[in-house]
Amino acid sequence: MGILEIDQIKKCEQEAADLIEGARQRKKLAIEEAIREGEERMALRLSDAEKKVREEREGAEKDMQEEHTLLLKNAKDEAQRIREHSTQKKDDAVLRLIRMITGEDHVLSSPNE
């Protein structure tokens, strides 16, 4: 083998080594890009999931507030009904007591009645 052939073999070996190194670099870059894209997709999915959880929580809080408001309204209405009923019962009891004491049915009636 001559020097020219040896130089040509070395040149081919160097070109092959350069091609292999270039392929390794492209592979490394492709892996890094895939990781970056995966991280971006993961961040996007995480952001979407957080948004969905936030919307669901806000909806649940709104529903809970509406239920709380309704319960308070119902409680107030019931308290008012009980007050009115109690007042009526008290008035009835006072009238009965007066009737029992006086023996008259219309003691508290106004003259116009």
PDB file of N, CA and C in Angstrom:
ATOM      1  N   MET A   1       0.835  -1.154   0.000  1.00  0.00           N
ATOM      2  CA  MET A   1       0.000   0.000   0.000  1.00  0.00           C
ATOM      3  C   MET A   1       0.890   1.231   0.000  1.00  0.00           C
ATOM      4  N   GLY A   2       0.454   2.156  -0.802  1.00  0.00           N
ATOM      5  CA  GLY A   2       1.243   3.364  -0.900  1.00  0.00           C
ATOM      6  C   GLY A   2       0.759   4.432   0.068  1.00  0.00           C
ATOM      7  N   ILE A   3       1.589   5.456   0.157  1.00  0.00           N
ATOM      8  CA  ILE A   3       1.275   6.571   1.060  1.00  0.00           C
ATOM      9  C   ILE A   3      -0.031   7.229   0.629  1.00  0.00           C
ATOM     10  N   LEU A   4      -0.247   7.330  -0.631  1.00  0.00           N
ATOM     11  CA  LEU A   4      -1.467   7.935  -1.145  1.00  0.00           C
ATOM     12  C   LEU A   4      -2.689   7.142  -0.700  1.00  0.00           C
ATOM     13  N   GLU A   5      -2.623   5.839  -0.774  1.00  0.00           N
ATOM     14  CA  GLU A   5      -3.735   4.989  -0.346  1.00  0.00           C
ATOM     15  C   GLU A   5      -3.955   5.107   1.160  1.00  0.00           C
ATOM     16  N   ILE A   6      -2.847   5.145   1.921  1.00  0.00           N
ATOM     17  CA  ILE A   6      -2.949   5.276   3.385  1.00  0.00           C
ATOM     18  C   ILE A   6      -3.585   6.623   3.727  1.00  0.00           C
ATOM     19  N   ASP A   7      -3.154   7.673   3.038  1.00  0.00           N
ATOM     20  CA  ASP A   7      -3.743   8.992   3.272  1.00  0.00           C
ATOM     21  C   ASP A   7      -5.232   8.992   2.922  1.00  0.00           C
ATOM     22  N   GLN A   8      -5.577   8.311   1.843  1.00  0.00           N
ATOM     23  CA  GLN A   8      -6.977   8.242   1.434  1.00  0.00           C
ATOM     24  C   GLN A   8      -7.796   7.452   2.465  1.00  0.00           C
ATOM     25  N   ILE A   9      -7.243   6.367   2.995  1.00  0.00           N
ATOM     26  CA  ILE A   9      -7.926   5.576   4.030  1.00  0.00           C
ATOM     27  C   ILE A   9      -8.106   6.427   5.282  1.00  0.00           C
ATOM     28  N   LYS A  10      -7.037   7.144   5.691  1.00  0.00           N
ATOM     29  CA  LYS A  10      -7.140   8.015   6.866  1.00  0.00           C
ATOM     30  C   LYS A  10      -8.198   9.094   6.642  1.00  0.00           C
ATOM     31  N   LYS A  11      -8.214   9.639   5.427  1.00  0.00           N
ATOM     32  CA  LYS A  11      -9.199  10.666   5.106  1.00  0.00           C
ATOM     33  C   LYS A  11     -10.610  10.087   5.189  1.00  0.00           C
ATOM     34  N   CYS A  12     -10.807   8.893   4.650  1.00  0.00           N
ATOM     35  CA  CYS A  12     -12.120   8.230   4.714  1.00  0.00           C
ATOM     36  C   CYS A  12     -12.496   7.926   6.163  1.00  0.00           C
ATOM     37  N   GLU A  13     -11.513   7.470   6.953  1.00  0.00           N
ATOM     38  CA  GLU A  13     -11.769   7.192   8.370  1.00  0.00           C
ATOM     39  C   GLU A  13     -12.171   8.475   9.099  1.00  0.00           C
ATOM     40  N   GLN A  14     -11.486   9.580   8.796  1.00  0.00           N
ATOM     41  CA  GLN A  14     -11.808  10.862   9.424  1.00  0.00           C
ATOM     42  C   GLN A  14     -13.203  11.324   9.013  1.00  0.00           C
ATOM     43  N   GLU A  15     -13.521  11.163   7.712  1.00  0.00           N
ATOM     44  CA  GLU A  15     -14.859  11.532   7.243  1.00  0.00           C
ATOM     45  C   GLU A  15     -15.923  10.681   7.937  1.00  0.00           C
ATOM     46  N   ALA A  16     -15.643   9.386   8.088  1.00  0.00           N
ATOM     47  CA  ALA A  16     -16.579   8.492   8.776  1.00  0.00           C
ATOM     48  C   ALA A  16     -16.729   8.913  10.233  1.00  0.00           C
ATOM     49  N   ALA A  17     -15.600   9.235  10.875  1.00  0.00           N
ATOM     50  CA  ALA A  17     -15.643   9.682  12.273  1.00  0.00           C
ATOM     51  C   ALA A  17     -16.428  10.996  12.379  1.00  0.00           C
ATOM     52  N   ASP A  18     -16.218  11.907  11.430  1.00  0.00           N
ATOM     53  CA  ASP A  18     -16.957  13.175  11.421  1.00  0.00           C
ATOM     54  C   ASP A  18     -18.454  12.933  11.219  1.00  0.00           C
ATOM     55  N   LEU A  19     -18.786  12.011  10.312  1.00  0.00           N
ATOM     56  CA  LEU A  19     -20.193  11.676  10.086  1.00  0.00           C
ATOM     57  C   LEU A  19     -20.822  11.069  11.340  1.00  0.00           C
ATOM     58  N   ILE A  20     -20.075  10.173  11.984  1.00  0.00           N
ATOM     59  CA  ILE A  20     -20.568   9.550  13.221  1.00  0.00           C
ATOM     60  C   ILE A  20     -20.758  10.610  14.294  1.00  0.00           C
ATOM     61  N   GLU A  21     -19.781  11.506  14.437  1.00  0.00           N
ATOM     62  CA  GLU A  21     -19.885  12.574  15.438  1.00  0.00           C
ATOM     63  C   GLU A  21     -21.057  13.500  15.110  1.00  0.00           C
ATOM     64  N   GLY A  22     -21.237  13.819  13.838  1.00  0.00           N
ATOM     65  CA  GLY A  22     -22.378  14.650  13.423  1.00  0.00           C
ATOM     66  C   GLY A  22     -23.702  13.957  13.737  1.00  0.00           C
ATOM     67  N   ALA A  23     -23.747  12.655  13.476  1.00  0.00           N
ATOM     68  CA  ALA A  23     -24.968  11.893  13.780  1.00  0.00           C
ATOM     69  C   ALA A  23     -25.225  11.885  15.284  1.00  0.00           C
ATOM     70  N   ARG A  24     -24.173  11.732  16.072  1.00  0.00           N
ATOM     71  CA  ARG A  24     -24.316  11.764  17.535  1.00  0.00           C
ATOM     72  C   ARG A  24     -24.838  13.128  17.996  1.00  0.00           C
ATOM     73  N   GLN A  25     -24.285  14.190  17.411  1.00  0.00           N
ATOM     74  CA  GLN A  25     -24.727  15.539  17.772  1.00  0.00           C
ATOM     75  C   GLN A  25     -26.201  15.750  17.398  1.00  0.00           C
ATOM     76  N   ARG A  26     -26.577  15.296  16.179  1.00  0.00           N
ATOM     77  CA  ARG A  26     -27.977  15.422  15.758  1.00  0.00           C
ATOM     78  C   ARG A  26     -28.892  14.602  16.661  1.00  0.00           C
ATOM     79  N   LYS A  27     -28.420  13.407  17.041  1.00  0.00           N
ATOM     80  CA  LYS A  27     -29.200  12.561  17.950  1.00  0.00           C
ATOM     81  C   LYS A  27     -29.368  13.263  19.296  1.00  0.00           C
ATOM     82  N   LYS A  28     -28.271  13.831  19.802  1.00  0.00           N
ATOM     83  CA  LYS A  28     -28.315  14.539  21.083  1.00  0.00           C
ATOM     84  C   LYS A  28     -29.269  15.722  21.003  1.00  0.00           C
ATOM     85  N   LEU A  29     -29.172  16.504  19.921  1.00  0.00           N
ATOM     86  CA  LEU A  29     -30.062  17.648  19.736  1.00  0.00           C
ATOM     87  C   LEU A  29     -31.523  17.208  19.608  1.00  0.00           C
ATOM     88  N   ALA A  30     -31.746  16.108  18.896  1.00  0.00           N
ATOM     89  CA  ALA A  30     -33.107  15.593  18.734  1.00  0.00           C
ATOM     90  C   ALA A  30     -33.680  15.155  20.080  1.00  0.00           C
ATOM     91  N   ILE A  31     -32.857  14.505  20.888  1.00  0.00           N
ATOM     92  CA  ILE A  31     -33.298  14.080  22.226  1.00  0.00           C
ATOM     93  C   ILE A  31     -33.607  15.302  23.084  1.00  0.00           C
ATOM     94  N   GLU A  32     -32.715  16.294  23.054  1.00  0.00           N
ATOM     95  CA  GLU A  32     -32.947  17.517  23.835  1.00  0.00           C
ATOM     96  C   GLU A  32     -34.227  18.222  23.388  1.00  0.00           C
ATOM     97  N   GLU A  33     -34.446  18.272  22.071  1.00  0.00           N
ATOM     98  CA  GLU A  33     -35.657  18.902  21.550  1.00  0.00           C
ATOM     99  C   GLU A  33     -36.900  18.116  21.966  1.00  0.00           C
ATOM    100  N   ALA A  34     -36.803  16.792  21.898  1.00  0.00           N
ATOM    101  CA  ALA A  34     -37.935  15.957  22.323  1.00  0.00           C
ATOM    102  C   ALA A  34     -38.237  16.171  23.804  1.00  0.00           C
ATOM    103  N   ILE A  35     -37.192  16.278  24.605  1.00  0.00           N
ATOM    104  CA  ILE A  35     -37.379  16.529  26.043  1.00  0.00           C
ATOM    105  C   ILE A  35     -38.043  17.890  26.244  1.00  0.00           C
ATOM    106  N   ARG A  36     -37.543  18.897  25.525  1.00  0.00           N
ATOM    107  CA  ARG A  36     -38.116  20.240  25.629  1.00  0.00           C
ATOM    108  C   ARG A  36     -39.591  20.239  25.216  1.00  0.00           C
ATOM    109  N   GLU A  37     -39.875  19.582  24.081  1.00  0.00           N
ATOM    110  CA  GLU A  37     -41.261  19.507  23.614  1.00  0.00           C
ATOM    111  C   GLU A  37     -42.126  18.756  24.619  1.00  0.00           C
ATOM    112  N   GLY A  38     -41.570  17.692  25.181  1.00  0.00           N
ATOM    113  CA  GLY A  38     -42.308  16.937  26.196  1.00  0.00           C
ATOM    114  C   GLY A  38     -42.580  17.786  27.418  1.00  0.00           C
ATOM    115  N   GLU A  39     -41.572  18.550  27.831  1.00  0.00           N
ATOM    116  CA  GLU A  39     -41.756  19.438  28.983  1.00  0.00           C
ATOM    117  C   GLU A  39     -42.783  20.521  28.672  1.00  0.00           C
ATOM    118  N   GLU A  40     -42.743  21.044  27.443  1.00  0.00           N
ATOM    119  CA  GLU A  40     -43.716  22.065  27.050  1.00  0.00           C
ATOM    120  C   GLU A  40     -45.126  21.484  27.036  1.00  0.00           C
ATOM    121  N   ARG A  41     -45.254  20.280  26.488  1.00  0.00           N
ATOM    122  CA  ARG A  41     -46.571  19.627  26.474  1.00  0.00           C
ATOM    123  C   ARG A  41     -47.043  19.350  27.895  1.00  0.00           C
ATOM    124  N   MET A  42     -46.110  18.898  28.729  1.00  0.00           N
ATOM    125  CA  MET A  42     -46.460  18.615  30.119  1.00  0.00           C
ATOM    126  C   MET A  42     -46.886  19.902  30.821  1.00  0.00           C
ATOM    127  N   ALA A  43     -46.154  20.985  30.576  1.00  0.00           N
ATOM    128  CA  ALA A  43     -46.508  22.271  31.187  1.00  0.00           C
ATOM    129  C   ALA A  43     -47.874  22.733  30.688  1.00  0.00           C
ATOM    130  N   LEU A  44     -48.143  22.541  29.409  1.00  0.00           N
ATOM    131  CA  LEU A  44     -49.436  22.924  28.841  1.00  0.00           C
ATOM    132  C   LEU A  44     -50.558  22.092  29.453  1.00  0.00           C
ATOM    133  N   ARG A  45     -50.337  20.790  29.547  1.00  0.00           N
ATOM    134  CA  ARG A  45     -51.349  19.915  30.161  1.00  0.00           C
ATOM    135  C   ARG A  45     -51.552  20.265  31.628  1.00  0.00           C
ATOM    136  N   LEU A  46     -50.458  20.545  32.315  1.00  0.00           N
ATOM    137  CA  LEU A  46     -50.554  20.929  33.725  1.00  0.00           C
ATOM    138  C   LEU A  46     -51.334  22.236  33.860  1.00  0.00           C
ATOM    139  N   SER A  47     -51.041  23.179  32.991  1.00  0.00           N
ATOM    140  CA  SER A  47     -51.757  24.456  33.007  1.00  0.00           C
ATOM    141  C   SER A  47     -53.246  24.239  32.736  1.00  0.00           C
ATOM    142  N   ASP A  48     -53.554  23.399  31.754  1.00  0.00           N
ATOM    143  CA  ASP A  48     -54.955  23.094  31.452  1.00  0.00           C
ATOM    144  C   ASP A  48     -55.635  22.423  32.635  1.00  0.00           C
ATOM    145  N   ALA A  49     -54.931  21.487  33.265  1.00  0.00           N
ATOM    146  CA  ALA A  49     -55.499  20.789  34.425  1.00  0.00           C
ATOM    147  C   ALA A  49     -55.727  21.759  35.580  1.00  0.00           C
ATOM    148  N   GLU A  50     -54.763  22.644  35.817  1.00  0.00           N
ATOM    149  CA  GLU A  50     -54.921  23.638  36.885  1.00  0.00           C
ATOM    150  C   GLU A  50     -56.100  24.562  36.589  1.00  0.00           C
ATOM    151  N   LYS A  51     -56.250  24.949  35.334  1.00  0.00           N
ATOM    152  CA  LYS A  51     -57.366  25.810  34.939  1.00  0.00           C
ATOM    153  C   LYS A  51     -58.690  25.091  35.170  1.00  0.00           C
ATOM    154  N   LYS A  52     -58.748  23.823  34.782  1.00  0.00           N
ATOM    155  CA  LYS A  52     -59.972  23.045  34.965  1.00  0.00           C
ATOM    156  C   LYS A  52     -60.304  22.897  36.444  1.00  0.00           C
ATOM    157  N   VAL A  53     -59.296  22.594  37.256  1.00  0.00           N
ATOM    158  CA  VAL A  53     -59.514  22.460  38.701  1.00  0.00           C
ATOM    159  C   VAL A  53     -59.998  23.784  39.282  1.00  0.00           C
ATOM    160  N   ARG A  54     -59.379  24.886  38.859  1.00  0.00           N
ATOM    161  CA  ARG A  54     -59.776  26.210  39.346  1.00  0.00           C
ATOM    162  C   ARG A  54     -61.230  26.507  38.959  1.00  0.00           C
ATOM    163  N   GLU A  55     -61.596  26.212  37.705  1.00  0.00           N
ATOM    164  CA  GLU A  55     -62.966  26.455  37.257  1.00  0.00           C
ATOM    165  C   GLU A  55     -63.955  25.589  38.033  1.00  0.00           C
ATOM    166  N   GLU A  56     -63.589  24.321  38.259  1.00  0.00           N
ATOM    167  CA  GLU A  56     -64.464  23.434  39.020  1.00  0.00           C
ATOM    168  C   GLU A  56     -64.601  23.918  40.464  1.00  0.00           C
ATOM    169  N   ARG A  57     -63.480  24.357  41.052  1.00  0.00           N
ATOM    170  CA  ARG A  57     -63.522  24.859  42.426  1.00  0.00           C
ATOM    171  C   ARG A  57     -64.395  26.111  42.509  1.00  0.00           C
ATOM    172  N   GLU A  58     -64.211  27.028  41.551  1.00  0.00           N
ATOM    173  CA  GLU A  58     -65.015  28.249  41.540  1.00  0.00           C
ATOM    174  C   GLU A  58     -66.492  27.923  41.351  1.00  0.00           C
ATOM    175  N   GLY A  59     -66.778  26.954  40.480  1.00  0.00           N
ATOM    176  CA  GLY A  59     -68.168  26.533  40.287  1.00  0.00           C
ATOM    177  C   GLY A  59     -68.748  25.929  41.552  1.00  0.00           C
ATOM    178  N   ALA A  60     -67.945  25.091  42.219  1.00  0.00           N
ATOM    179  CA  ALA A  60     -68.401  24.475  43.470  1.00  0.00           C
ATOM    180  C   ALA A  60     -68.609  25.536  44.545  1.00  0.00           C
ATOM    181  N   GLU A  61     -67.698  26.509  44.609  1.00  0.00           N
ATOM    182  CA  GLU A  61     -67.849  27.593  45.585  1.00  0.00           C
ATOM    183  C   GLU A  61     -69.103  28.408  45.296  1.00  0.00           C
ATOM    184  N   LYS A  62     -69.368  28.654  44.017  1.00  0.00           N
ATOM    185  CA  LYS A  62     -70.569  29.401  43.638  1.00  0.00           C
ATOM    186  C   LYS A  62     -71.815  28.608  44.024  1.00  0.00           C
ATOM    187  N   ASP A  63     -71.809  27.307  43.706  1.00  0.00           N
ATOM    188  CA  ASP A  63     -72.946  26.460  44.072  1.00  0.00           C
ATOM    189  C   ASP A  63     -73.146  26.443  45.581  1.00  0.00           C
ATOM    190  N   MET A  64     -72.040  26.335  46.306  1.00  0.00           N
ATOM    191  CA  MET A  64     -72.115  26.305  47.761  1.00  0.00           C
ATOM    192  C   MET A  64     -72.663  27.632  48.290  1.00  0.00           C
ATOM    193  N   GLN A  65     -72.221  28.742  47.718  1.00  0.00           N
ATOM    194  CA  GLN A  65     -72.708  30.056  48.143  1.00  0.00           C
ATOM    195  C   GLN A  65     -74.202  30.190  47.860  1.00  0.00           C
ATOM    196  N   GLU A  66     -74.630  29.719  46.685  1.00  0.00           N
ATOM    197  CA  GLU A  66     -76.054  29.774  46.354  1.00  0.00           C
ATOM    198  C   GLU A  66     -76.863  28.911  47.320  1.00  0.00           C
ATOM    199  N   GLU A  67     -76.354  27.722  47.624  1.00  0.00           N
ATOM    200  CA  GLU A  67     -77.031  26.833  48.576  1.00  0.00           C
ATOM    201  C   GLU A  67     -77.078  27.480  49.959  1.00  0.00           C
ATOM    202  N   HIS A  68     -75.986  28.098  50.358  1.00  0.00           N
ATOM    203  CA  HIS A  68     -75.923  28.780  51.653  1.00  0.00           C
ATOM    204  C   HIS A  68     -76.945  29.915  51.701  1.00  0.00           C
ATOM    205  N   THR A  69     -77.014  30.695  50.630  1.00  0.00           N
ATOM    206  CA  THR A  69     -77.976  31.795  50.547  1.00  0.00           C
ATOM    207  C   THR A  69     -79.406  31.267  50.629  1.00  0.00           C
ATOM    208  N   LEU A  70     -79.674  30.186  49.913  1.00  0.00           N
ATOM    209  CA  LEU A  70     -81.007  29.589  49.942  1.00  0.00           C
ATOM    210  C   LEU A  70     -81.344  29.074  51.337  1.00  0.00           C
ATOM    211  N   LEU A  71     -80.387  28.409  51.981  1.00  0.00           N
ATOM    212  CA  LEU A  71     -80.620  27.909  53.336  1.00  0.00           C
ATOM    213  C   LEU A  71     -80.889  29.052  54.312  1.00  0.00           C
ATOM    214  N   LEU A  72     -80.117  30.130  54.194  1.00  0.00           N
ATOM    215  CA  LEU A  72     -80.354  31.288  55.063  1.00  0.00           C
ATOM    216  C   LEU A  72     -81.731  31.899  54.814  1.00  0.00           C
ATOM    217  N   LYS A  73     -82.112  32.006  53.553  1.00  0.00           N
ATOM    218  CA  LYS A  73     -83.433  32.551  53.222  1.00  0.00           C
ATOM    219  C   LYS A  73     -84.517  31.656  53.802  1.00  0.00           C
ATOM    220  N   ASN A  74     -84.372  30.354  53.617  1.00  0.00           N
ATOM    221  CA  ASN A  74     -85.362  29.420  54.158  1.00  0.00           C
ATOM    222  C   ASN A  74     -85.423  29.506  55.679  1.00  0.00           C
ATOM    223  N   ALA A  75     -84.256  29.631  56.310  1.00  0.00           N
ATOM    224  CA  ALA A  75     -84.217  29.739  57.774  1.00  0.00           C
ATOM    225  C   ALA A  75     -84.900  31.027  58.227  1.00  0.00           C
ATOM    226  N   LYS A  76     -84.650  32.126  57.524  1.00  0.00           N
ATOM    227  CA  LYS A  76     -85.303  33.394  57.868  1.00  0.00           C
ATOM    228  C   LYS A  76     -86.813  33.297  57.671  1.00  0.00           C
ATOM    229  N   ASP A  77     -87.214  32.692  56.554  1.00  0.00           N
ATOM    230  CA  ASP A  77     -88.648  32.528  56.295  1.00  0.00           C
ATOM    231  C   ASP A  77     -89.295  31.672  57.381  1.00  0.00           C
ATOM    232  N   GLU A  78     -88.631  30.589  57.744  1.00  0.00           N
ATOM    233  CA  GLU A  78     -89.152  29.703  58.791  1.00  0.00           C
ATOM    234  C   GLU A  78     -89.209  30.432  60.132  1.00  0.00           C
ATOM    235  N   ALA A  79     -88.180  31.205  60.445  1.00  0.00           N
ATOM    236  CA  ALA A  79     -88.177  31.974  61.695  1.00  0.00           C
ATOM    237  C   ALA A  79     -89.319  32.984  61.694  1.00  0.00           C
ATOM    238  N   GLN A  80     -89.534  33.637  60.564  1.00  0.00           N
ATOM    239  CA  GLN A  80     -90.638  34.598  60.455  1.00  0.00           C
ATOM    240  C   GLN A  80     -91.977  33.891  60.631  1.00  0.00           C
ATOM    241  N   ARG A  81     -92.129  32.735  60.008  1.00  0.00           N
ATOM    242  CA  ARG A  81     -93.371  31.970  60.139  1.00  0.00           C
ATOM    243  C   ARG A  81     -93.591  31.561  61.592  1.00  0.00           C
ATOM    244  N   ILE A  82     -92.531  31.114  62.250  1.00  0.00           N
ATOM    245  CA  ILE A  82     -92.632  30.717  63.662  1.00  0.00           C
ATOM    246  C   ILE A  82     -92.988  31.924  64.525  1.00  0.00           C
ATOM    247  N   ARG A  83     -92.350  33.077  64.250  1.00  0.00           N
ATOM    248  CA  ARG A  83     -92.677  34.300  65.002  1.00  0.00           C
ATOM    249  C   ARG A  83     -94.151  34.670  64.831  1.00  0.00           C
ATOM    250  N   GLU A  84     -94.598  34.647  63.589  1.00  0.00           N
ATOM    251  CA  GLU A  84     -95.997  34.993  63.321  1.00  0.00           C
ATOM    252  C   GLU A  84     -96.941  34.010  64.006  1.00  0.00           C
ATOM    253  N   HIS A  85     -96.613  32.734  63.912  1.00  0.00           N
ATOM    254  CA  HIS A  85     -97.436  31.703  64.549  1.00  0.00           C
ATOM    255  C   HIS A  85     -97.431  31.894  66.069  1.00  0.00           C
ATOM    256  N   SER A  86     -96.248  32.159  66.627  1.00  0.00           N
ATOM    257  CA  SER A  86     -96.134  32.375  68.078  1.00  0.00           C
ATOM    258  C   SER A  86     -96.922  33.605  68.512  1.00  0.00           C
ATOM    259  N   THR A  87     -96.824  34.668  67.727  1.00  0.00           N
ATOM    260  CA  THR A  87     -97.574  35.889  68.039  1.00  0.00           C
ATOM    261  C   THR A  87     -99.073  35.608  68.004  1.00  0.00           C
ATOM    262  N   GLN A  88     -99.509  34.878  66.996  1.00  0.00           N
ATOM    263  CA  GLN A  88    -100.931  34.531  66.892  1.00  0.00           C
ATOM    264  C   GLN A  88    -101.366  33.680  68.078  1.00  0.00           C
ATOM    265  N   LYS A  89    -100.533  32.693  68.438  1.00  0.00           N
ATOM    266  CA  LYS A  89    -100.859  31.839  69.588  1.00  0.00           C
ATOM    267  C   LYS A  89    -100.897  32.669  70.876  1.00  0.00           C
ATOM    268  N   LYS A  90     -99.957  33.582  71.019  1.00  0.00           N
ATOM    269  CA  LYS A  90     -99.924  34.449  72.205  1.00  0.00           C
ATOM    270  C   LYS A  90    -101.177  35.312  72.262  1.00  0.00           C
ATOM    271  N   ASP A  91    -101.533  35.915  71.127  1.00  0.00           N
ATOM    272  CA  ASP A  91    -102.737  36.747  71.072  1.00  0.00           C
ATOM    273  C   ASP A  91    -103.981  35.927  71.394  1.00  0.00           C
ATOM    274  N   ASP A  92    -104.049  34.719  70.842  1.00  0.00           N
ATOM    275  CA  ASP A  92    -105.186  33.835  71.137  1.00  0.00           C
ATOM    276  C   ASP A  92    -105.238  33.504  72.626  1.00  0.00           C
ATOM    277  N   ALA A  93    -104.070  33.220  73.205  1.00  0.00           N
ATOM    278  CA  ALA A  93    -104.022  32.882  74.634  1.00  0.00           C
ATOM    279  C   ALA A  93    -104.447  34.072  75.489  1.00  0.00           C
ATOM    280  N   VAL A  94    -104.004  35.274  75.130  1.00  0.00           N
ATOM    281  CA  VAL A  94    -104.386  36.476  75.875  1.00  0.00           C
ATOM    282  C   VAL A  94    -105.900  36.674  75.787  1.00  0.00           C
ATOM    283  N   LEU A  95    -106.460  36.522  74.596  1.00  0.00           N
ATOM    284  CA  LEU A  95    -107.905  36.681  74.428  1.00  0.00           C
ATOM    285  C   LEU A  95    -108.669  35.649  75.253  1.00  0.00           C
ATOM    286  N   ARG A  96    -108.212  34.398  75.210  1.00  0.00           N
ATOM    287  CA  ARG A  96    -108.880  33.363  76.005  1.00  0.00           C
ATOM    288  C   ARG A  96    -108.807  33.690  77.492  1.00  0.00           C
ATOM    289  N   LEU A  97    -107.638  34.140  77.922  1.00  0.00           N
ATOM    290  CA  LEU A  97    -107.463  34.492  79.332  1.00  0.00           C
ATOM    291  C   LEU A  97    -108.406  35.636  79.724  1.00  0.00           C
ATOM    292  N   ILE A  98    -108.486  36.650  78.872  1.00  0.00           N
ATOM    293  CA  ILE A  98    -109.382  37.778  79.148  1.00  0.00           C
ATOM    294  C   ILE A  98    -110.829  37.300  79.183  1.00  0.00           C
ATOM    295  N   ARG A  99    -111.204  36.448  78.236  1.00  0.00           N
ATOM    296  CA  ARG A  99    -112.571  35.915  78.209  1.00  0.00           C
ATOM    297  C   ARG A  99    -112.870  35.114  79.471  1.00  0.00           C
ATOM    298  N   MET A 100    -111.842  34.339  79.871  1.00  0.00           N
ATOM    299  CA  MET A 100    -112.038  33.539  81.087  1.00  0.00           C
ATOM    300  C   MET A 100    -112.223  34.446  82.299  1.00  0.00           C
ATOM    301  N   ILE A 101    -111.428  35.510  82.343  1.00  0.00           N
ATOM    302  CA  ILE A 101    -111.485  36.412  83.501  1.00  0.00           C
ATOM    303  C   ILE A 101    -112.765  37.248  83.473  1.00  0.00           C
ATOM    304  N   THR A 102    -113.085  37.796  82.314  1.00  0.00           N
ATOM    305  CA  THR A 102    -114.222  38.726  82.230  1.00  0.00           C
ATOM    306  C   THR A 102    -115.532  38.042  81.895  1.00  0.00           C
ATOM    307  N   GLY A 103    -115.452  36.917  81.271  1.00  0.00           N
ATOM    308  CA  GLY A 103    -116.665  36.241  80.826  1.00  0.00           C
ATOM    309  C   GLY A 103    -117.269  36.891  79.596  1.00  0.00           C
ATOM    310  N   GLU A 104    -116.588  37.831  78.987  1.00  0.00           N
ATOM    311  CA  GLU A 104    -117.088  38.516  77.788  1.00  0.00           C
ATOM    312  C   GLU A 104    -116.256  38.114  76.569  1.00  0.00           C
ATOM    313  N   ASP A 105    -116.922  38.020  75.416  1.00  0.00           N
ATOM    314  CA  ASP A 105    -116.235  37.605  74.190  1.00  0.00           C
ATOM    315  C   ASP A 105    -115.524  38.753  73.471  1.00  0.00           C
ATOM    316  N   HIS A 106    -116.032  39.970  73.587  1.00  0.00           N
ATOM    317  CA  HIS A 106    -115.497  41.058  72.760  1.00  0.00           C
ATOM    318  C   HIS A 106    -114.904  42.179  73.588  1.00  0.00           C
ATOM    319  N   VAL A 107    -114.156  41.864  74.605  1.00  0.00           N
ATOM    320  CA  VAL A 107    -113.595  42.879  75.492  1.00  0.00           C
ATOM    321  C   VAL A 107    -112.582  43.754  74.768  1.00  0.00           C
ATOM    322  N   LEU A 108    -111.740  43.166  73.945  1.00  0.00           N
ATOM    323  CA  LEU A 108    -110.681  43.935  73.281  1.00  0.00           C
ATOM    324  C   LEU A 108    -111.105  44.474  71.924  1.00  0.00           C
ATOM    325  N   SER A 109    -112.335  44.264  71.544  1.00  0.00           N
ATOM    326  CA  SER A 109    -112.787  44.751  70.244  1.00  0.00           C
ATOM    327  C   SER A 109    -112.922  46.259  70.270  1.00  0.00           C
ATOM    328  N   SER A 110    -112.658  46.884  69.143  1.00  0.00           N
ATOM    329  CA  SER A 110    -112.828  48.334  69.051  1.00  0.00           C
ATOM    330  C   SER A 110    -114.312  48.644  68.886  1.00  0.00           C
ATOM    331  N   PRO A 111    -114.739  49.863  69.176  1.00  0.00           N
ATOM    332  CA  PRO A 111    -116.158  50.207  69.079  1.00  0.00           C
ATOM    333  C   PRO A 111    -116.685  50.116  67.654  1.00  0.00           C
ATOM    334  N   ASN A 112    -115.819  50.155  66.669  1.00  0.00           N
ATOM    335  CA  ASN A 112    -116.260  50.104  65.273  1.00  0.00           C
ATOM    336  C   ASN A 112    -116.578  48.689  64.823  1.00  0.00           C
ATOM    337  N   GLU A 113    -116.195  47.706  65.573  1.00  0.00           N
ATOM    338  CA  GLU A 113    -116.405  46.322  65.130  1.00  0.00           C
ATOM    339  C   GLU A 113    -117.753  45.818  65.511  1.00  0.00           C
TER     340      GLU A 113
END
